[in-house]
Each structure stands twice: as structure tokens, then as C-alpha cells.
């Protein structure tokens, strides 16, 4: 008969397209489940990474109270770290010429709070905008962003200079003191965020008590004495 089977073909066409739509919905749903599972796993991974970061940040910004030594003429370490330079340099800005320098490298595992090396008055304050070379490089003292603090010792009027130097990771020096402030030996005076370096400038008459590669504790290790 004429047009025989067309209704059946129409039925098959409807069944085919509804099946195609169902398969499409299934594929989209499967992709959504995979993406959701991935996003769920990624969220747990990111939470884990954040927890590690938070714990390390708390560890990095720890701030122990130093056991400040008592006695006349003592100059204590301004930072926690390793002494990698002991020499003589010209520091004209505050020291006014030739002086002794003790340089301390601070790794990311060291305490990054700095301490006053002596009891005295903050008599010089100069913030220098610069680069962010690795603090492992000695030239970072001259080229990196740094803060030069100068102190006049209450004990004898001698000058003690302190240069806080940002490193390749460190992007901020946070001073706690300002010009004219009176500080006590071992008092917290600043914070350098992440790897950095601290240079201590001493008069030529000061007697150095530490040696290269010594590990020092801020506000506690005796670096030198006034002679």
C-alpha cells in the first residue's frame, strides 16, 4: 500500500533523536561529574597547600624573647643568622668613614625580627629604594632596598650603624623605631620579611668577639665590646 511504513520510520526517527539527546545529557553529566570530582580533589589539595603555607608563615614570623646579656660595653647581635663577612669598609653616611663590618645572612628559616645591638638613641634613619638581588650576594648591601639606622651608645657616645637589607624574596622592611627613639639593648627594632641580610657597622676600636660562619641569635649573642 502507498506510504506503508512511514509511521514506523517516524517512530524510529523520534526514538533515535531522543536517544541521541539522552546520550548527550549523559555525556554532559559525566563530564560535569568528572569536573566536579577534579574540582573537589583540587580544593582539598589547595586547602592542604594553604595549611602548609599558614604553618610556615606562623613559623617564619615567630618572635622569641632573647636572653639579653648584662654587662658594660656589650654589643649584641642585631639579627638571627650566620656571620659570613667580617671586614672593614667605608660607611660615610653615618659612621663617617672607615669602620668594621659584620654581615649576617638570614635564610628563610631564621627569625626575621631585628634587635637593638646597644642601649642608645636612634640618631640616623635613611630608607634607600633599590633592587632585590639575592641576599647571598655581598653587593646586595649597596644595591638592594635597605634601611640604614644609626645609634649613639648611651654608655660612651660611640656610633653603631645597622643596615637592614631586603633580599630577592623579601619585599618589605618594617621598622619599629623612628628617628630620636631611645632603645634598650636587645629591644625589637624591625622586621624584614623573608630572606635578607643585616650589616652591623662598628667603630675601629670595638673588639670583635665572633668569627666567620658563627651562627648568632638576635639580641643575645655578644658580637663585640667597646674598648
Protein backbone atom coordinates (compact mmCIF):
# COMPACT_ATOMS: atom_id res chain seq x y z
CA UNK A 1 0.00 0.00 0.00
CA UNK A 2 1.04 3.57 -0.57
CA UNK A 3 3.00 5.23 2.30
CA UNK A 4 3.27 1.95 4.09
CA UNK A 5 5.86 2.05 6.93
CA UNK A 6 6.22 5.85 7.16
CA UNK A 7 4.68 5.94 10.60
CA UNK A 8 7.17 3.33 11.74
CA UNK A 9 10.00 5.40 10.27
CA UNK A 10 8.71 8.46 12.11
CA UNK A 11 8.71 6.48 15.32
CA UNK A 12 12.26 5.31 14.71
CA UNK A 13 13.34 8.90 13.99
CA UNK A 14 11.82 10.10 17.27
CA UNK A 15 13.41 7.23 19.15
CA UNK A 16 16.80 7.98 17.54
CA UNK A 17 16.79 11.68 18.38
CA UNK A 18 15.53 11.15 21.91
CA UNK A 19 18.26 8.54 22.37
CA UNK A 20 20.83 10.97 20.99
CA UNK A 21 19.55 13.64 23.40
CA UNK A 22 19.72 11.16 26.27
CA UNK A 23 23.29 10.19 25.34
CA UNK A 24 24.17 13.90 25.09
CA UNK A 25 22.72 14.54 28.56
CA UNK A 26 24.62 11.51 29.89
CA UNK A 27 27.92 12.73 28.36
CA UNK A 28 27.39 16.24 29.73
CA UNK A 29 26.52 14.77 33.12
CA UNK A 30 29.58 12.52 33.04
CA UNK A 31 31.85 15.46 32.14
CA UNK A 32 30.23 17.51 34.91
CA UNK A 33 30.84 14.70 37.43
CA UNK A 34 34.48 14.38 36.30
CA UNK A 35 34.98 18.15 36.56
CA UNK A 36 33.23 18.25 39.93
CA UNK A 37 35.39 15.38 41.19
CA UNK A 38 38.50 17.16 39.90
CA UNK A 39 37.40 20.45 41.45
CA UNK A 40 36.67 18.64 44.73
CA UNK A 41 40.11 16.99 44.71
CA UNK A 42 41.75 20.28 43.71
CA UNK A 43 40.00 22.11 46.53
CA UNK A 44 41.39 19.61 49.07
CA UNK A 45 44.86 19.99 47.52
CA UNK A 46 44.64 23.79 47.69
CA UNK A 47 43.44 23.61 51.29
CA UNK A 48 46.44 21.39 52.09
CA UNK A 49 48.81 23.81 50.39
CA UNK A 50 47.24 26.72 52.31
CA UNK A 51 47.62 24.89 55.63
CA UNK A 52 51.30 24.26 54.92
CA UNK A 53 51.72 27.93 53.93
CA UNK A 54 49.90 29.12 57.06
CA UNK A 55 52.02 26.92 59.34
CA UNK A 56 55.24 28.05 57.65
CA UNK A 57 54.16 31.71 57.86
CA UNK A 58 53.50 31.36 61.58
CA UNK A 59 56.87 29.66 61.96
CA UNK A 60 58.62 32.32 59.87
CA UNK A 61 57.16 35.23 61.83
CA UNK A 62 57.98 33.70 65.21
CA UNK A 63 59.34 36.24 67.66
CA UNK A 64 61.23 34.69 70.59
CA UNK A 65 62.28 36.85 73.50
CA UNK A 66 66.10 36.99 73.66
CA UNK A 67 68.10 36.42 76.82
CA UNK A 68 69.87 39.79 76.67
CA UNK A 69 73.31 39.65 78.32
CA UNK A 70 74.06 42.14 81.06
CA UNK A 71 77.35 43.94 81.38
CA UNK A 72 79.25 47.07 80.36
CA UNK A 73 80.40 47.64 76.78
CA UNK A 74 78.50 44.77 75.19
CA UNK A 75 77.29 44.89 71.58
CA UNK A 76 74.80 42.14 70.80
CA UNK A 77 73.74 40.65 67.50
CA UNK A 78 71.06 42.65 65.69
CA UNK A 79 69.80 39.57 63.83
CA UNK A 80 69.43 35.81 63.79
CA UNK A 81 71.55 34.12 61.14
CA UNK A 82 75.04 33.22 60.00
CA UNK A 83 78.06 35.54 60.01
CA UNK A 84 79.55 35.37 56.52
CA UNK A 85 81.53 38.63 56.34
CA UNK A 86 83.88 40.32 58.81
CA UNK A 87 85.86 43.16 57.25
CA UNK A 88 86.50 46.89 57.16
CA UNK A 89 84.56 49.24 54.87
CA UNK A 90 83.92 52.93 54.34
CA UNK A 91 80.48 53.98 55.57
CA UNK A 92 80.30 57.76 55.12
CA UNK A 93 76.58 58.31 55.72
CA UNK A 94 76.52 57.70 59.46
CA UNK A 95 79.81 56.21 60.63
CA UNK A 96 81.71 58.97 58.84
CA UNK A 97 84.40 56.83 57.25
CA UNK A 98 86.32 53.65 57.90
CA UNK A 99 84.68 51.15 60.23
CA UNK A 100 84.37 47.45 60.93
CA UNK A 101 81.53 45.49 59.35
CA UNK A 102 79.92 42.25 60.45
CA UNK A 103 77.42 40.93 57.92
CA UNK A 104 74.76 38.39 58.86
CA UNK A 105 72.87 36.35 56.29
CA UNK A 106 69.28 35.45 57.20
CA UNK A 107 67.80 32.43 55.45
CA UNK A 108 64.05 31.87 55.24
CA UNK A 109 64.40 29.54 58.24
CA UNK A 110 65.84 32.22 60.55
CA UNK A 111 63.90 34.56 62.84
CA UNK A 112 63.46 37.83 60.94
CA UNK A 113 62.87 40.23 63.83
CA UNK A 114 65.87 42.52 64.43
CA UNK A 115 67.14 43.72 67.79
CA UNK A 116 68.97 46.80 69.00
CA UNK A 117 72.69 46.00 69.38
CA UNK A 118 73.17 48.54 72.17
CA UNK A 119 71.33 50.81 74.53
CA UNK A 120 71.17 54.20 72.89
CA UNK A 121 69.35 56.68 70.70
CA UNK A 122 68.29 56.33 67.05
CA UNK A 123 70.28 59.22 65.57
CA UNK A 124 70.12 58.35 61.85
CA UNK A 125 67.38 56.93 59.63
CA UNK A 126 67.63 56.57 55.85
CA UNK A 127 65.50 54.30 53.67
CA UNK A 128 67.00 53.57 50.26
CA UNK A 129 64.86 52.22 47.42
CA UNK A 130 66.80 49.71 45.34
CA UNK A 131 66.84 46.31 43.69
CA UNK A 132 66.10 42.84 45.06
CA UNK A 133 69.28 40.87 44.42
CA UNK A 134 69.86 37.63 46.28
CA UNK A 135 70.95 38.39 49.84
CA UNK A 136 73.68 35.76 49.32
CA UNK A 137 75.50 38.31 47.17
CA UNK A 138 77.62 40.80 49.10
CA UNK A 139 76.80 43.59 46.63
CA UNK A 140 73.17 43.40 47.77
CA UNK A 141 74.18 45.67 50.67
CA UNK A 142 74.79 48.53 48.24
CA UNK A 143 72.25 47.82 45.50
CA UNK A 144 69.21 46.37 47.28
CA UNK A 145 66.41 48.14 49.03
CA UNK A 146 67.73 48.82 52.51
CA UNK A 147 67.30 50.84 55.68
CA UNK A 148 70.32 52.38 57.41
CA UNK A 149 69.84 53.03 61.12
CA UNK A 150 72.41 54.83 63.24
CA UNK A 151 72.57 54.59 67.03
CA UNK A 152 74.51 56.66 69.55
CA UNK A 153 75.50 54.49 72.51
CA UNK A 154 74.27 55.80 75.85
CA UNK A 155 77.31 54.26 77.52
CA UNK A 156 80.10 56.14 75.75
CA UNK A 157 78.65 58.11 72.83
CA UNK A 158 80.13 55.79 70.17
CA UNK A 159 78.31 55.26 66.87
CA UNK A 160 76.85 51.91 65.86
CA UNK A 161 75.35 51.54 62.40
CA UNK A 162 72.86 48.94 61.25
CA UNK A 163 71.84 48.32 57.65
CA UNK A 164 68.75 46.18 57.06
CA UNK A 165 68.82 44.73 53.54
CA UNK A 166 65.94 43.20 51.59
CA UNK A 167 66.67 40.05 49.56
CA UNK A 168 65.35 38.54 46.35
CA UNK A 169 62.23 37.30 48.17
CA UNK A 170 61.95 39.97 50.83
CA UNK A 171 59.92 42.94 49.63
CA UNK A 172 59.41 44.89 52.75
CA UNK A 173 61.39 46.20 55.70
CA UNK A 174 59.15 47.12 58.64
CA UNK A 175 60.93 49.41 61.15
CA UNK A 176 59.64 49.58 64.71
CA UNK A 177 61.71 52.64 65.63
CA UNK A 178 61.91 56.17 64.31
CA UNK A 179 64.46 58.95 64.49
CA UNK A 180 65.06 60.10 68.05
CA UNK A 181 63.74 56.98 69.76
CA UNK A 182 65.60 55.62 72.78
CA UNK A 183 66.20 51.87 72.61
CA UNK A 184 67.38 49.26 75.06
CA UNK A 185 69.97 46.61 74.20
CA UNK A 186 68.16 43.63 72.68
CA UNK A 187 64.93 45.55 72.09
CA UNK A 188 62.95 44.63 68.97
CA UNK A 189 63.52 47.33 66.35
CA UNK A 190 62.38 45.96 62.99
CA UNK A 191 61.19 43.09 60.82
CA UNK A 192 62.47 42.04 57.39
CA UNK A 193 60.02 39.81 55.57
CA UNK A 194 61.65 36.63 54.21
CA UNK A 195 65.30 36.06 53.15
CA UNK A 196 67.57 39.04 53.81
CA UNK A 197 70.83 40.37 55.22
CA UNK A 198 71.85 42.64 58.12
CA UNK A 199 75.10 44.59 58.28
CA UNK A 200 76.45 45.81 61.62
CA UNK A 201 78.92 48.74 61.49
CA UNK A 202 81.29 49.14 64.44
CA UNK A 203 84.00 51.65 65.37
CA UNK A 204 87.55 50.53 64.61
CA UNK A 205 88.17 50.48 68.36
CA UNK A 206 85.49 47.84 69.03
CA UNK A 207 86.78 44.36 69.87
CA UNK A 208 85.03 41.69 67.77
CA UNK A 209 84.15 38.54 69.70
CA UNK A 210 82.75 36.29 66.97
CA UNK A 211 84.25 34.67 63.86
CA UNK A 212 83.19 33.76 60.35
CA UNK A 213 80.46 31.12 59.98
CA UNK A 214 79.25 31.61 63.54
CA UNK A 215 75.50 31.32 63.97
CA UNK A 216 74.21 34.22 66.03
CA UNK A 217 71.00 34.95 67.92
CA UNK A 218 69.46 38.40 67.72
CA UNK A 219 69.58 40.37 70.97
CA UNK A 220 71.57 37.61 72.66
CA UNK A 221 74.91 36.73 71.03
CA UNK A 222 77.74 39.09 72.00
CA UNK A 223 79.22 40.36 68.72
CA UNK A 224 81.77 42.83 70.09
CA UNK A 225 82.66 45.01 73.03
CA UNK A 226 83.61 48.65 73.34
CA UNK A 227 87.30 49.12 74.11
